[in-house]
C-alpha atoms as a PDB file:
ATOM      1  CA  MET A   1      28.966 -33.885  67.668  1.00  0.00           C
ATOM      2  CA  ARG A   2      28.537 -36.882  65.836  1.00  0.00           C
ATOM      3  CA  HIS A   3      29.659 -39.638  66.109  1.00  0.00           C
ATOM      4  CA  ARG A   4      33.715 -39.752  64.810  1.00  0.00           C
ATOM      5  CA  LYS A   5      34.193 -43.178  62.333  1.00  0.00           C
ATOM      6  CA  PHE A   6      37.747 -44.547  63.298  1.00  0.00           C
ATOM      7  CA  VAL A   7      39.631 -46.923  60.166  1.00  0.00           C
ATOM      8  CA  SER A   8      40.513 -49.574  62.945  1.00  0.00           C
ATOM      9  CA  ARG A   9      40.500 -50.701  66.673  1.00  0.00           C
ATOM     10  CA  HIS A  10      44.253 -48.897  67.235  1.00  0.00           C
ATOM     11  CA  ALA A  11      43.101 -45.712  66.085  1.00  0.00           C
ATOM     12  CA  LEU A  12      39.887 -45.598  68.088  1.00  0.00           C
ATOM     13  CA  TYR A  13      42.220 -46.730  71.287  1.00  0.00           C
ATOM     14  CA  ASP A  14      44.952 -43.760  70.893  1.00  0.00           C
ATOM     15  CA  ALA A  15      41.982 -41.037  70.285  1.00  0.00           C
ATOM     16  CA  ILE A  16      40.589 -42.236  73.990  1.00  0.00           C
ATOM     17  CA  LYS A  17      44.436 -42.790  75.188  1.00  0.00           C
ATOM     18  CA  LEU A  18      44.787 -39.245  74.580  1.00  0.00           C
ATOM     19  CA  LYS A  19      41.781 -37.318  75.286  1.00  0.00           C
ATOM     20  CA  LEU A  20      41.862 -39.577  78.919  1.00  0.00           C
ATOM     21  CA  GLU A  21      45.496 -38.494  79.617  1.00  0.00           C
ATOM     22  CA  ALA A  22      44.531 -35.128  79.383  1.00  0.00           C
ATOM     23  CA  GLU A  23      42.491 -35.214  82.057  1.00  0.00           C
ATOM     24  CA  HIS A  24      44.592 -37.087  84.331  1.00  0.00           C
ATOM     25  CA  MET A  25      43.657 -40.626  84.069  1.00  0.00           C
ATOM     26  CA  LEU A  26      45.762 -43.822  83.323  1.00  0.00           C
ATOM     27  CA  VAL A  27      45.147 -45.975  80.324  1.00  0.00           C
ATOM     28  CA  SER A  28      47.013 -49.046  79.709  1.00  0.00           C
ATOM     29  CA  ASP A  29      47.990 -51.103  77.067  1.00  0.00           C
ATOM     30  CA  TYR A  30      45.605 -52.586  75.215  1.00  0.00           C
ATOM     31  CA  GLU A  31      45.610 -56.310  75.248  1.00  0.00           C
ATOM     32  CA  GLY A  32      43.690 -58.508  72.414  1.00  0.00           C
ATOM     33  CA  ILE A  33      40.429 -60.318  72.365  1.00  0.00           C
ATOM     34  CA  PRO A  34      37.917 -61.892  70.294  1.00  0.00           C
ATOM     35  CA  TYR A  35      36.808 -59.739  67.808  1.00  0.00           C
ATOM     36  CA  GLY A  36      38.994 -56.741  69.664  1.00  0.00           C
ATOM     37  CA  ILE A  37      40.482 -55.152  71.905  1.00  0.00           C
ATOM     38  CA  GLN A  38      40.980 -54.453  75.839  1.00  0.00           C
ATOM     39  CA  PHE A  39      42.553 -51.673  78.251  1.00  0.00           C
ATOM     40  CA  THR A  40      42.069 -50.628  81.500  1.00  0.00           C
ATOM     41  CA  VAL A  41      41.304 -46.932  82.557  1.00  0.00           C
ATOM     42  CA  SER A  42      42.841 -46.087  85.877  1.00  0.00           C
ATOM     43  CA  THR A  43      41.123 -43.125  88.155  1.00  0.00           C
ATOM     44  CA  ALA A  44      41.318 -41.511  91.617  1.00  0.00           C
ATOM     45  CA  GLY A  45      42.099 -45.062  92.474  1.00  0.00           C
ATOM     46  CA  ASN A  46      39.597 -47.021  90.684  1.00  0.00           C
ATOM     47  CA  GLU A  47      40.113 -49.063  87.091  1.00  0.00           C
ATOM     48  CA  LEU A  48      37.232 -49.476  84.750  1.00  0.00           C
ATOM     49  CA  LYS A  49      37.249 -51.710  81.325  1.00  0.00           C
ATOM     50  CA  LEU A  50      37.082 -50.729  78.330  1.00  0.00           C
ATOM     51  CA  ARG A  51      36.455 -53.160  75.253  1.00  0.00           C
ATOM     52  CA  VAL A  52      36.922 -51.345  71.161  1.00  0.00           C
ATOM     53  CA  TYR A  53      35.396 -54.184  68.965  1.00  0.00           C
ATOM     54  CA  GLU A  54      36.261 -54.442  64.994  1.00  0.00           C
ATOM     55  CA  SER A  55      33.770 -56.228  62.591  1.00  0.00           C
ATOM     56  CA  LYS A  56      33.428 -55.996  58.051  1.00  0.00           C
ATOM     57  CA  LYS A  57      29.648 -55.307  59.406  1.00  0.00           C
ATOM     58  CA  LYS A  58      29.660 -52.864  61.928  1.00  0.00           C
ATOM     59  CA  GLY A  59      33.396 -51.062  61.626  1.00  0.00           C
ATOM     60  CA  VAL A  60      34.984 -49.731  64.972  1.00  0.00           C
ATOM     61  CA  SER A  61      33.171 -49.718  67.896  1.00  0.00           C
ATOM     62  CA  LEU A  62      33.706 -48.659  71.453  1.00  0.00           C
ATOM     63  CA  ASP A  63      31.826 -50.644  74.278  1.00  0.00           C
ATOM     64  CA  VAL A  64      31.440 -48.932  77.652  1.00  0.00           C
ATOM     65  CA  SER A  65      29.122 -51.932  79.263  1.00  0.00           C
ATOM     66  CA  GLN A  66      31.719 -53.104  81.958  1.00  0.00           C
ATOM     67  CA  VAL A  67      31.818 -48.428  83.465  1.00  0.00           C
ATOM     68  CA  LYS A  68      29.219 -48.118  86.125  1.00  0.00           C
ATOM     69  CA  LYS A  69      26.804 -45.053  85.686  1.00  0.00           C
ATOM     70  CA  ALA A  70      28.182 -43.957  88.588  1.00  0.00           C
ATOM     71  CA  GLY A  71      30.547 -42.051  90.863  1.00  0.00           C
ATOM     72  CA  VAL A  72      34.106 -42.070  88.889  1.00  0.00           C
ATOM     73  CA  GLY A  73      32.214 -44.316  86.004  1.00  0.00           C
ATOM     74  CA  GLU A  74      30.559 -41.267  85.446  1.00  0.00           C
ATOM     75  CA  GLU A  75      33.647 -38.743  84.339  1.00  0.00           C
ATOM     76  CA  VAL A  76      35.088 -41.532  82.487  1.00  0.00           C
ATOM     77  CA  LEU A  77      31.831 -41.704  79.916  1.00  0.00           C
ATOM     78  CA  GLN A  78      31.032 -38.195  79.713  1.00  0.00           C
ATOM     79  CA  LEU A  79      34.626 -37.695  78.115  1.00  0.00           C
ATOM     80  CA  LEU A  80      33.956 -40.461  75.799  1.00  0.00           C
ATOM     81  CA  GLN A  81      30.696 -39.646  74.205  1.00  0.00           C
ATOM     82  CA  GLU A  82      32.021 -38.091  71.407  1.00  0.00           C
ATOM     83  CA  PHE A  83      33.385 -41.685  70.797  1.00  0.00           C
ATOM     84  CA  LEU A  84      29.738 -43.140  70.765  1.00  0.00           C
ATOM     85  CA  PRO A  85      27.041 -43.559  68.288  1.00  0.00           C
ATOM     86  CA  ASP A  86      23.963 -41.230  69.122  1.00  0.00           C
ATOM     87  CA  ASP A  87      21.993 -43.911  70.185  1.00  0.00           C
ATOM     88  CA  LYS A  88      24.523 -45.158  72.862  1.00  0.00           C
ATOM     89  CA  ARG A  89      25.025 -41.720  74.061  1.00  0.00           C
ATOM     90  CA  LEU A  90      24.080 -40.083  77.678  1.00  0.00           C
ATOM     91  CA  PRO A  91      20.810 -37.666  77.428  1.00  0.00           C
ATOM     92  CA  SER A  92      22.353 -34.324  77.152  1.00  0.00           C
ATOM     93  CA  MET A  93      21.040 -32.044  80.072  1.00  0.00           C
ATOM     94  CA  SER A  94      19.601 -28.784  79.421  1.00  0.00           C
ATOM     95  CA  THR A  95      20.538 -26.079  82.016  1.00  0.00           C
ATOM     96  CA  SER A  96      17.428 -23.916  81.077  1.00  0.00           C
ATOM     97  CA  LYS A  97      15.652 -25.628  84.605  1.00  0.00           C
ATOM     98  CA  ASP A  98      18.018 -24.525  86.985  1.00  0.00           C
ATOM     99  CA  SER A  99      17.538 -21.884  89.432  1.00  0.00           C
ATOM    100  CA  GLU A 100      18.738 -18.491  88.988  1.00  0.00           C
ATOM    101  CA  ARG A 101      20.106 -18.528  92.809  1.00  0.00           C
ATOM    102  CA  LEU A 102      21.984 -21.434  92.624  1.00  0.00           C
ATOM    103  CA  ILE A 103      25.169 -22.282  95.037  1.00  0.00           C
ATOM    104  CA  GLY A 104      27.801 -24.419  92.138  1.00  0.00           C
ATOM    105  CA  ILE A 105      29.692 -27.165  93.500  1.00  0.00           C
ATOM    106  CA  ASP A 106      32.987 -28.630  91.792  1.00  0.00           C
ATOM    107  CA  GLU A 107      36.117 -30.616  92.651  1.00  0.00           C
ATOM    108  CA  CYS A 108      39.898 -31.061  92.376  1.00  0.00           C
ATOM    109  CA  GLY A 109      42.448 -33.746  92.784  1.00  0.00           C
ATOM    110  CA  LYS A 110      40.119 -36.780  93.106  1.00  0.00           C
ATOM    111  CA  GLY A 111      42.211 -38.177  89.941  1.00  0.00           C
ATOM    112  CA  ASP A 112      45.819 -36.813  91.641  1.00  0.00           C
ATOM    113  CA  TYR A 113      47.572 -39.087  93.490  1.00  0.00           C
ATOM    114  CA  PHE A 114      50.095 -36.773  95.176  1.00  0.00           C
ATOM    115  CA  GLY A 115      48.545 -33.661  96.674  1.00  0.00           C
ATOM    116  CA  PRO A 116      44.595 -32.763  98.473  1.00  0.00           C
ATOM    117  CA  LEU A 117      41.177 -33.381  97.676  1.00  0.00           C
ATOM    118  CA  VAL A 118      39.671 -29.894  96.931  1.00  0.00           C
ATOM    119  CA  ILE A 119      35.940 -29.115  97.015  1.00  0.00           C
ATOM    120  CA  SER A 120      34.388 -25.665  96.184  1.00  0.00           C
ATOM    121  CA  ALA A 121      31.144 -23.986  95.938  1.00  0.00           C
ATOM    122  CA  VAL A 122      30.552 -20.185  94.404  1.00  0.00           C
ATOM    123  CA  PHE A 123      26.319 -18.933  95.179  1.00  0.00           C
ATOM    124  CA  LEU A 124      24.861 -16.991  91.876  1.00  0.00           C
ATOM    125  CA  ASP A 125      21.929 -15.061  91.173  1.00  0.00           C
ATOM    126  CA  LYS A 126      20.909 -13.370  88.343  1.00  0.00           C
ATOM    127  CA  GLY A 127      23.207 -10.399  89.173  1.00  0.00           C
ATOM    128  CA  LEU A 128      26.117 -12.123  90.002  1.00  0.00           C
ATOM    129  CA  ARG A 129      26.174 -13.959  86.750  1.00  0.00           C
ATOM    130  CA  LYS A 130      25.875 -10.865  84.382  1.00  0.00           C
ATOM    131  CA  ALA A 131      28.731 -10.005  86.253  1.00  0.00           C
ATOM    132  CA  LEU A 132      31.211 -12.915  85.777  1.00  0.00           C
ATOM    133  CA  GLU A 133      30.714 -12.985  82.074  1.00  0.00           C
ATOM    134  CA  SER A 134      33.236 -10.550  81.847  1.00  0.00           C
ATOM    135  CA  THR A 135      35.310 -13.380  83.235  1.00  0.00           C
ATOM    136  CA  GLY A 136      35.076 -15.600  80.119  1.00  0.00           C
ATOM    137  CA  ILE A 137      34.416 -18.221  82.749  1.00  0.00           C
ATOM    138  CA  GLN A 138      34.410 -21.909  81.852  1.00  0.00           C
ATOM    139  CA  ASP A 139      35.131 -25.336  83.615  1.00  0.00           C
ATOM    140  CA  SER A 140      38.926 -25.340  84.196  1.00  0.00           C
ATOM    141  CA  LYS A 141      40.011 -28.204  82.481  1.00  0.00           C
ATOM    142  CA  ARG A 142      39.844 -26.104  79.412  1.00  0.00           C
ATOM    143  CA  ILE A 143      41.858 -23.604  81.061  1.00  0.00           C
ATOM    144  CA  SER A 144      45.466 -23.627  81.557  1.00  0.00           C
ATOM    145  CA  ASP A 145      47.360 -23.763  85.387  1.00  0.00           C
ATOM    146  CA  LYS A 146      48.759 -20.363  84.245  1.00  0.00           C
ATOM    147  CA  LYS A 147      45.226 -18.587  83.752  1.00  0.00           C
ATOM    148  CA  ILE A 148      43.466 -20.527  86.715  1.00  0.00           C
ATOM    149  CA  LEU A 149      44.934 -18.348  89.308  1.00  0.00           C
ATOM    150  CA  PRO A 150      44.130 -14.585  88.155  1.00  0.00           C
ATOM    151  CA  LEU A 151      40.195 -16.466  86.648  1.00  0.00           C
ATOM    152  CA  ALA A 152      40.121 -17.690  90.225  1.00  0.00           C
ATOM    153  CA  ASP A 153      40.739 -13.979  91.921  1.00  0.00           C
ATOM    154  CA  GLU A 154      38.390 -12.510  89.538  1.00  0.00           C
ATOM    155  CA  ILE A 155      35.652 -14.886  90.488  1.00  0.00           C
ATOM    156  CA  ARG A 156      36.310 -14.848  94.404  1.00  0.00           C
ATOM    157  CA  LYS A 157      36.232 -10.440  94.020  1.00  0.00           C
ATOM    158  CA  ILE A 158      32.828 -11.091  92.609  1.00  0.00           C
ATOM    159  CA  CYS A 159      30.942 -14.062  93.969  1.00  0.00           C
ATOM    160  CA  PRO A 160      30.295 -15.717  97.581  1.00  0.00           C
ATOM    161  CA  HIS A 161      32.967 -18.878  97.796  1.00  0.00           C
ATOM    162  CA  GLU A 162      34.074 -21.574  99.971  1.00  0.00           C
ATOM    163  CA  SER A 163      36.539 -24.275  99.457  1.00  0.00           C
ATOM    164  CA  ILE A 164      37.332 -27.623 101.623  1.00  0.00           C
ATOM    165  CA  VAL A 165      40.971 -28.440 101.134  1.00  0.00           C
ATOM    166  CA  VAL A 166      41.312 -31.961 102.439  1.00  0.00           C
ATOM    167  CA  MET A 167      45.182 -32.314 103.029  1.00  0.00           C
ATOM    168  CA  PRO A 168      46.035 -36.370 102.090  1.00  0.00           C
ATOM    169  CA  GLU A 169      47.030 -36.873 106.059  1.00  0.00           C
ATOM    170  CA  HIS A 170      43.377 -36.230 106.657  1.00  0.00           C
ATOM    171  CA  TYR A 171      41.846 -37.645 103.160  1.00  0.00           C
ATOM    172  CA  ASN A 172      43.733 -40.988 103.981  1.00  0.00           C
ATOM    173  CA  ARG A 173      42.003 -40.680 107.554  1.00  0.00           C
ATOM    174  CA  MET A 174      38.900 -40.135 106.374  1.00  0.00           C
ATOM    175  CA  TYR A 175      38.838 -43.109 103.500  1.00  0.00           C
ATOM    176  CA  TYR A 176      40.217 -45.615 105.778  1.00  0.00           C
ATOM    177  CA  ARG A 177      37.569 -44.903 108.040  1.00  0.00           C
ATOM    178  CA  ASP A 178      34.872 -45.183 105.241  1.00  0.00           C
ATOM    179  CA  GLN A 179      36.374 -47.045 102.823  1.00  0.00           C
ATOM    180  CA  ASN A 180      34.349 -45.529 100.079  1.00  0.00           C
ATOM    181  CA  LEU A 181      35.142 -42.359  97.793  1.00  0.00           C
ATOM    182  CA  ASN A 182      31.677 -41.149  96.872  1.00  0.00           C
ATOM    183  CA  VAL A 183      30.938 -40.908 101.217  1.00  0.00           C
ATOM    184  CA  LEU A 184      34.092 -39.108 101.634  1.00  0.00           C
ATOM    185  CA  LEU A 185      32.894 -36.780  98.529  1.00  0.00           C
ATOM    186  CA  ALA A 186      29.332 -36.146  99.603  1.00  0.00           C
ATOM    187  CA  LYS A 187      31.055 -35.504 103.423  1.00  0.00           C
ATOM    188  CA  GLY A 188      32.986 -33.057 101.567  1.00  0.00           C
ATOM    189  CA  HIS A 189      29.670 -31.123  99.421  1.00  0.00           C
ATOM    190  CA  ALA A 190      28.110 -31.351 103.505  1.00  0.00           C
ATOM    191  CA  ALA A 191      30.556 -29.206 104.739  1.00  0.00           C
ATOM    192  CA  VAL A 192      31.278 -26.786 101.969  1.00  0.00           C
ATOM    193  CA  LEU A 193      27.208 -26.586 101.672  1.00  0.00           C
ATOM    194  CA  GLU A 194      27.340 -25.305 105.255  1.00  0.00           C
ATOM    195  CA  LYS A 195      29.587 -22.725 105.180  1.00  0.00           C
ATOM    196  CA  MET A 196      28.146 -21.242 102.354  1.00  0.00           C
ATOM    197  CA  LEU A 197      24.367 -21.851 103.955  1.00  0.00           C
ATOM    198  CA  GLY A 198      26.569 -19.369 106.767  1.00  0.00           C
ATOM    199  CA  LYS A 199      26.946 -16.800 103.688  1.00  0.00           C
ATOM    200  CA  VAL A 200      23.993 -16.756 101.532  1.00  0.00           C
ATOM    201  CA  ASP A 201      19.872 -17.980 101.435  1.00  0.00           C
ATOM    202  CA  CYS A 202      20.078 -20.403  98.711  1.00  0.00           C
ATOM    203  CA  VAL A 203      17.767 -23.731  97.865  1.00  0.00           C
ATOM    204  CA  ASP A 204      19.405 -24.788  95.176  1.00  0.00           C
ATOM    205  CA  ALA A 205      22.777 -26.521  95.022  1.00  0.00           C
ATOM    206  CA  LEU A 206      24.368 -28.445  91.908  1.00  0.00           C
ATOM    207  CA  SER A 207      27.059 -30.949  91.311  1.00  0.00           C
ATOM    208  CA  ASP A 208      28.697 -33.384  88.641  1.00  0.00           C
ATOM    209  CA  GLN A 209      26.875 -36.772  89.578  1.00  0.00           C
ATOM    210  CA  PHE A 210      29.155 -38.333  91.563  1.00  0.00           C
ATOM    211  CA  ALA A 211      26.877 -40.677  94.376  1.00  0.00           C
ATOM    212  CA  LYS A 212      23.137 -42.263  94.622  1.00  0.00           C
ATOM    213  CA  GLU A 213      21.066 -39.939  96.358  1.00  0.00           C
ATOM    214  CA  HIS A 214      20.864 -41.820  99.681  1.00  0.00           C
ATOM    215  CA  VAL A 215      24.549 -41.335  99.960  1.00  0.00           C
ATOM    216  CA  LEU A 216      24.302 -37.058  99.600  1.00  0.00           C
ATOM    217  CA  LYS A 217      20.943 -37.379 102.599  1.00  0.00           C
ATOM    218  CA  LYS A 218      23.106 -39.277 104.872  1.00  0.00           C
ATOM    219  CA  GLN A 219      26.146 -36.984 104.788  1.00  0.00           C
ATOM    220  CA  LEU A 220      24.101 -34.217 104.179  1.00  0.00           C
ATOM    221  CA  GLY A 221      22.036 -34.639 107.823  1.00  0.00           C
ATOM    222  CA  PRO A 222      19.807 -31.608 108.899  1.00  0.00           C
ATOM    223  CA  LEU A 223      20.640 -29.880 105.744  1.00  0.00           C
ATOM    224  CA  ALA A 224      18.615 -32.022 103.552  1.00  0.00           C
ATOM    225  CA  SER A 225      15.718 -29.818 104.363  1.00  0.00           C
ATOM    226  CA  ASP A 226      17.334 -26.511 104.345  1.00  0.00           C
ATOM    227  CA  ILE A 227      18.589 -27.035 100.333  1.00  0.00           C
ATOM    228  CA  THR A 228      18.688 -29.951  97.664  1.00  0.00           C
ATOM    229  CA  LEU A 229      21.982 -30.733  95.700  1.00  0.00           C
ATOM    230  CA  HIS A 230      21.346 -31.717  92.551  1.00  0.00           C
ATOM    231  CA  GLN A 231      23.656 -34.143  90.268  1.00  0.00           C
ATOM    232  CA  ARG A 232      23.601 -34.682  86.984  1.00  0.00           C
ATOM    233  CA  PRO A 233      26.834 -35.369  84.075  1.00  0.00           C
ATOM    234  CA  ARG A 234      28.394 -32.297  82.598  1.00  0.00           C
ATOM    235  CA  ALA A 235      26.983 -29.721  85.463  1.00  0.00           C
ATOM    236  CA  GLU A 236      29.907 -27.481  84.500  1.00  0.00           C
ATOM    237  CA  ALA A 237      27.730 -26.453  81.457  1.00  0.00           C
ATOM    238  CA  ASN A 238      26.389 -24.534  84.529  1.00  0.00           C
ATOM    239  CA  PRO A 239      28.165 -20.960  85.117  1.00  0.00           C
ATOM    240  CA  SER A 240      27.910 -21.218  88.591  1.00  0.00           C
ATOM    241  CA  VAL A 241      30.004 -25.192  88.398  1.00  0.00           C
ATOM    242  CA  ALA A 242      32.356 -23.747  85.800  1.00  0.00           C
ATOM    243  CA  ALA A 243      33.380 -21.057  88.627  1.00  0.00           C
ATOM    244  CA  ALA A 244      33.287 -23.171  91.590  1.00  0.00           C
ATOM    245  CA  SER A 245      35.652 -25.482  89.515  1.00  0.00           C
ATOM    246  CA  VAL A 246      38.198 -22.924  88.930  1.00  0.00           C
ATOM    247  CA  ILE A 247      38.650 -22.207  92.398  1.00  0.00           C
ATOM    248  CA  ALA A 248      39.053 -25.644  93.273  1.00  0.00           C
ATOM    249  CA  ARG A 249      41.484 -26.009  90.747  1.00  0.00           C
ATOM    250  CA  ALA A 250      43.204 -22.942  91.727  1.00  0.00           C
ATOM    251  CA  ASP A 251      43.117 -23.644  95.999  1.00  0.00           C
ATOM    252  CA  PHE A 252      44.645 -27.423  94.606  1.00  0.00           C
ATOM    253  CA  LEU A 253      47.347 -25.958  92.824  1.00  0.00           C
ATOM    254  CA  ILE A 254      48.136 -23.548  95.646  1.00  0.00           C
ATOM    255  CA  ALA A 255      48.280 -26.025  97.939  1.00  0.00           C
ATOM    256  CA  MET A 256      50.396 -28.170  95.602  1.00  0.00           C
ATOM    257  CA  LYS A 257      53.141 -24.921  95.658  1.00  0.00           C
ATOM    258  CA  GLN A 258      52.993 -25.625  99.688  1.00  0.00           C
ATOM    259  CA  MET A 259      53.623 -29.490  99.175  1.00  0.00           C
ATOM    260  CA  GLU A 260      57.178 -28.414  97.435  1.00  0.00           C
ATOM    261  CA  HIS A 261      58.035 -25.972  99.299  1.00  0.00           C
ATOM    262  CA  LYS A 262      57.640 -27.386 102.737  1.00  0.00           C
ATOM    263  CA  TRP A 263      59.532 -31.153 101.272  1.00  0.00           C
ATOM    264  CA  SER A 264      62.069 -29.130  98.722  1.00  0.00           C
ATOM    265  CA  PHE A 265      60.127 -32.159  95.958  1.00  0.00           C
ATOM    266  CA  MET A 266      58.667 -31.234  92.807  1.00  0.00           C
ATOM    267  CA  PHE A 267      54.546 -33.376  93.047  1.00  0.00           C
ATOM    268  CA  PRO A 268      53.586 -34.731  88.945  1.00  0.00           C
ATOM    269  CA  LYS A 269      49.706 -33.818  89.173  1.00  0.00           C
ATOM    270  CA  GLY A 270      47.381 -36.849  87.723  1.00  0.00           C
ATOM    271  CA  ALA A 271      48.571 -40.437  87.546  1.00  0.00           C
ATOM    272  CA  GLY A 272      50.401 -42.474  85.166  1.00  0.00           C
ATOM    273  CA  LYS A 273      54.760 -43.150  84.724  1.00  0.00           C
ATOM    274  CA  GLN A 274      55.596 -39.482  85.930  1.00  0.00           C
ATOM    275  CA  VAL A 275      53.910 -39.704  89.016  1.00  0.00           C
ATOM    276  CA  ASN A 276      55.061 -43.776  89.352  1.00  0.00           C
ATOM    277  CA  GLU A 277      58.381 -42.796  89.503  1.00  0.00           C
ATOM    278  CA  ALA A 278      57.988 -39.913  91.733  1.00  0.00           C
ATOM    279  CA  ALA A 279      56.161 -41.965  94.692  1.00  0.00           C
ATOM    280  CA  VAL A 280      59.347 -43.986  94.830  1.00  0.00           C
ATOM    281  CA  ALA A 281      61.598 -41.220  94.294  1.00  0.00           C
ATOM    282  CA  PHE A 282      60.261 -39.566  97.378  1.00  0.00           C
ATOM    283  CA  ALA A 283      60.114 -42.598  99.538  1.00  0.00           C
ATOM    284  CA  GLY A 284      63.319 -43.248  98.635  1.00  0.00           C
ATOM    285  CA  MET A 285      64.134 -39.475  99.871  1.00  0.00           C
ATOM    286  CA  PHE A 286      61.834 -39.574 102.653  1.00  0.00           C
ATOM    287  CA  GLY A 287      60.910 -42.930 103.771  1.00  0.00           C
ATOM    288  CA  LYS A 288      57.584 -44.368 103.499  1.00  0.00           C
ATOM    289  CA  ASP A 289      56.022 -43.210 106.811  1.00  0.00           C
ATOM    290  CA  HIS A 290      55.887 -39.763 105.380  1.00  0.00           C
ATOM    291  CA  MET A 291      53.576 -41.020 102.033  1.00  0.00           C
ATOM    292  CA  HIS A 292      50.385 -40.303 104.042  1.00  0.00           C
ATOM    293  CA  GLU A 293      51.082 -36.859 104.138  1.00  0.00           C
ATOM    294  CA  VAL A 294      51.557 -36.321 100.500  1.00  0.00           C
ATOM    295  CA  ALA A 295      49.532 -38.967  98.542  1.00  0.00           C
ATOM    296  CA  LYS A 296      46.323 -40.518  98.049  1.00  0.00           C
ATOM    297  CA  LEU A 297      47.489 -43.814  99.604  1.00  0.00           C
ATOM    298  CA  HIS A 298      44.474 -45.955  97.843  1.00  0.00           C
ATOM    299  CA  PHE A 299      45.575 -45.248  94.907  1.00  0.00           C
ATOM    300  CA  LYS A 300      47.271 -48.178  93.026  1.00  0.00           C
ATOM    301  CA  THR A 301      50.670 -46.416  93.093  1.00  0.00           C
ATOM    302  CA  SER A 302      51.062 -47.432  96.577  1.00  0.00           C
ATOM    303  CA  ARG A 303      51.486 -50.482  95.366  1.00  0.00           C
ATOM    304  CA  LEU A 304      54.972 -49.708  93.855  1.00  0.00           C
ATOM    305  CA  VAL A 305      55.610 -48.353  97.412  1.00  0.00           C
ATOM    306  CA  PHE A 306      54.789 -50.751 100.018  1.00  0.00           C
ATOM    307  CA  GLY A 307      54.582 -53.532  97.629  1.00  0.00           C
END
């Protein structure tokens, strides 16, 4: 896709806001800066700063220099590629060199205040990949919630798979012990890989890029000698990761329904105004002491409840 040109800084801001909020990220109002505007993107409890500049010579341009190219910042950068000129984009990643025998891993719930973090893995080889083609598998972000559950059932029938569902109470204990989301994610990836290696013989795994190599190796421990976990942007282009993303999303939706049944309360997904209002309402109905059972407390939304 070629770089999209915008007639004003405000038009570019509106397009970015629409794109990121569709991925359950919270985009702040913008404020003026010399020659442009700036705003923040909140996801998974982190805030990233973006700037849009406008000049007669260069026109309207997006500045992502404040966004780290690792962890949650990597996810935002991938979503913003269409708004960047060609020379500013991250290099495209080909799937042609991926092993034919591969465990794909993806997570769901990282950017959702309410509900669990789910990390899922799916194994594919040449034969399973061919069998999976009939399902029309694609990244779960492009599939409606209504279609996710039956598609996940189809994938489960065809492929070896595993999931780790980290409910909020356990998630909060892990996060406040490590104080690092990437460490928590690495532990989840290691756990789901260990379960998968009890089912299949495989030496390669693939996931979206979220942590530095030494963080992964530390959490993989002895597994690091049995399997190599590759990371790269847009890993969901590989069908094994795409399949894992569908199962992770399905397991997240199932867990959310169970939470809603338990509490007789509707938990909105993602982050933003509706989620903020629900957090305050839940605390008012059930008490602050129960927030750790339904929400990821390191998100900034918790400040509205606890002050």
